[in-house]
Protein backbone atom coordinates (compact mmCIF):
# COMPACT_ATOMS: atom_id res chain seq x y z
CA ALA A 1 109.16 114.21 100.31
CA LEU A 2 107.34 111.12 98.97
CA ALA A 3 111.37 110.33 98.17
CA TYR A 4 112.22 110.55 101.83
CA LEU A 5 108.77 108.30 102.30
CA PHE A 6 109.83 105.80 99.81
CA LEU A 7 113.76 105.84 101.43
CA SER A 8 112.90 105.65 104.84
CA GLY A 9 110.51 102.77 104.32
CA TYR A 10 113.27 100.63 102.52
CA LEU A 11 115.62 101.72 105.44
CA CYS A 12 113.64 100.57 107.97
CA ARG A 13 112.35 96.71 106.32
CA THR A 14 115.92 96.45 105.63
CA ALA A 15 116.50 97.32 109.58
CA PHE A 16 113.49 94.97 110.35
CA LEU A 17 114.35 92.14 108.34
CA SER A 18 118.43 92.31 110.07
CA VAL A 19 116.94 91.70 113.15
CA HIS A 20 114.65 88.99 111.82
CA LEU A 21 110.71 90.58 112.26
CA PRO A 22 108.93 90.91 108.92
CA GLY A 23 110.31 94.04 106.70
CA ALA A 24 106.42 94.80 106.38
CA VAL A 25 106.19 96.12 109.59
CA GLY A 26 109.14 98.47 109.59
CA VAL A 27 107.57 99.95 106.15
CA ILE A 28 103.93 100.37 108.12
CA LEU A 29 106.29 101.73 111.05
CA SER A 30 107.62 104.66 108.93
CA GLY A 31 104.59 105.09 106.97
CA PHE A 32 102.98 106.36 109.91
CA LEU A 33 105.55 108.56 111.58
CA PHE A 34 106.15 110.26 108.34
CA SER A 35 102.22 110.49 108.02
CA TYR A 36 102.21 113.40 110.96
CA PHE A 37 105.16 115.18 108.56
CA ILE A 38 104.05 114.94 105.34
CA GLN A 39 100.44 114.44 105.08
CA CYS A 40 99.66 117.33 102.49
CA ASP A 41 102.24 115.90 100.39
CA ILE A 42 101.16 112.45 100.57
CA LEU A 43 97.28 113.97 99.73
CA GLU A 44 98.77 115.63 96.71
CA GLY A 45 100.46 112.52 95.31
CA ARG A 46 97.50 109.90 96.29
CA ASP A 47 96.01 109.84 92.78
CA HIS A 48 99.46 109.30 90.93
CA LEU A 49 100.65 106.33 93.91
CA GLN A 50 97.49 104.88 93.31
CA GLY A 51 98.08 104.54 89.37
CA LEU A 52 101.58 103.58 90.06
CA ALA A 53 100.72 100.74 92.47
CA PHE A 54 97.88 99.33 89.77
CA PHE A 55 100.15 99.41 87.43
CA LEU A 56 103.05 97.57 89.53
CA VAL A 57 100.35 95.02 90.60
CA LEU A 58 99.11 94.17 87.16
CA LEU A 59 103.00 94.06 86.28
CA THR A 60 103.79 91.70 88.86
CA ALA A 61 101.27 89.60 88.33
CA GLY A 62 101.74 89.25 84.35
CA PHE A 63 105.32 88.53 85.04
CA GLU A 64 103.66 85.15 87.34
CA ILE A 65 101.84 83.92 84.49
CA SER A 66 102.96 81.48 82.00
CA LEU A 67 101.39 81.56 78.19
CA SER A 68 101.98 78.04 77.43
CA ASP A 69 100.43 77.09 81.05
CA LEU A 70 96.95 79.16 80.64
CA LYS A 71 95.08 77.03 79.43
CA PRO A 72 90.65 77.77 78.85
CA TYR A 73 89.70 75.57 81.99
CA ILE A 74 91.65 77.82 83.91
CA LEU A 75 90.64 80.94 82.44
CA VAL A 76 87.23 79.37 83.47
CA TYR A 77 88.40 78.44 87.12
CA THR A 78 89.16 81.80 87.92
CA VAL A 79 86.67 83.58 86.35
CA LEU A 80 83.59 81.98 87.22
CA PRO A 81 84.21 81.84 91.34
CA SER A 82 84.97 85.25 91.53
CA THR A 83 82.68 86.31 89.70
CA LEU A 84 80.00 84.51 91.72
CA GLU A 85 81.87 85.67 95.39
CA PHE A 86 81.95 89.16 94.07
CA LEU A 87 78.36 88.92 93.41
CA GLY A 88 77.22 87.47 96.58
CA ILE A 89 79.46 89.78 98.80
CA ALA A 90 78.04 92.99 96.85
CA SER A 91 74.26 91.53 97.41
CA PHE A 92 74.98 91.00 100.60
CA ALA A 93 76.42 94.34 101.28
CA VAL A 94 73.18 95.83 98.98
CA HIS A 95 70.48 93.84 100.64
CA PHE A 96 71.62 93.07 104.66
CA MET A 97 73.94 96.22 105.12
CA ASP A 98 71.84 98.63 103.66
CA PHE A 99 74.87 99.97 100.91
CA THR A 100 74.42 101.93 97.78
CA LYS A 101 75.34 99.07 94.88
CA VAL A 102 78.31 100.98 94.25
CA GLU A 103 79.53 100.76 98.18
CA GLY A 104 78.54 96.99 97.34
CA CYS A 105 80.64 96.42 94.30
CA VAL A 106 83.62 98.33 95.93
CA LEU A 107 83.53 96.22 98.71
CA ALA A 108 83.19 93.20 97.18
CA THR A 109 86.19 93.94 94.96
CA THR A 110 88.24 94.56 98.00
CA LEU A 111 87.03 90.90 100.09
CA PHE A 112 86.71 88.68 97.01
CA CYS A 113 90.60 88.11 95.95
CA ILE A 114 92.29 85.07 97.58
CA GLY A 115 95.60 87.16 98.75
CA ASP A 116 98.55 86.17 96.96
CA GLY A 117 100.61 86.78 100.11
CA LEU A 118 98.67 84.45 101.87
CA VAL A 119 98.52 81.51 99.90
CA ILE A 120 101.73 81.42 97.94
CA PRO A 121 103.90 80.90 100.76
CA ARG A 122 101.53 78.09 101.91
CA MET A 123 101.44 76.34 98.21
CA GLY A 124 105.32 76.19 98.35
CA GLU A 125 105.54 74.55 101.61
CA PHE A 126 103.08 72.10 100.17
CA GLY A 127 105.02 71.59 96.85
CA ARG A 128 107.99 71.20 98.57
CA GLN A 129 106.46 68.26 101.06
CA PHE A 130 104.23 66.65 97.78
CA PRO A 131 106.90 67.15 95.14
CA GLY A 132 105.11 66.47 91.38
CA HIS A 133 101.51 67.60 92.64
CA PRO A 134 100.01 69.65 90.19
CA MET A 135 98.02 72.01 93.26
CA PRO A 136 100.58 74.32 93.65
CA ARG A 137 101.19 74.52 90.26
CA PHE A 138 97.34 75.22 89.56
CA VAL A 139 97.70 77.90 92.34
CA PHE A 140 100.41 79.61 91.45
CA MET A 141 98.44 80.52 87.99
CA PHE A 142 95.21 81.21 89.55
CA ALA A 143 96.43 83.82 92.41
CA PRO A 144 97.53 86.37 89.58
CA LEU A 145 95.46 86.13 87.37
CA GLU A 146 92.33 86.22 89.96
CA ALA A 147 94.57 89.83 90.92
CA SER A 148 94.53 91.08 87.87
CA TYR A 149 90.94 90.80 87.47
CA ALA A 150 89.72 91.77 91.05
CA LEU A 151 92.03 94.66 90.28
CA THR A 152 90.47 95.15 86.96
CA LEU A 153 86.94 95.07 88.10
CA PHE A 154 87.75 97.66 90.91
């Protein structure tokens, strides 16, 4: 059943892209439609799918990182602000929203990462407008490291 879900998601994505619509909408639509038919199968395979998604995201982030560009200051720029933001969100959730410590940490791990899908395309545009500027390369190093850090904390 999950194979049919993946196949229909791919076909819907392809159909949406062929008419110049966002492919992610087609994938979400197929998942929504299939949720009525194969809900039990999805729930049974959820842990396996989450593990697979976790592995694929870390693998993708690892492929985006060049070890020759990885300097100690980039690690500090990645870990320090991310950790402070994580701690700030978690403490706000615990003290002001009456979350437990675990719930606050889960909320913080889902909110503190910048989101590669939002930042990377904008940095690509910035790099084309200002060739030779170091900011896009720094963000291309920073975003996957931060995503890996967030997934590791989660």
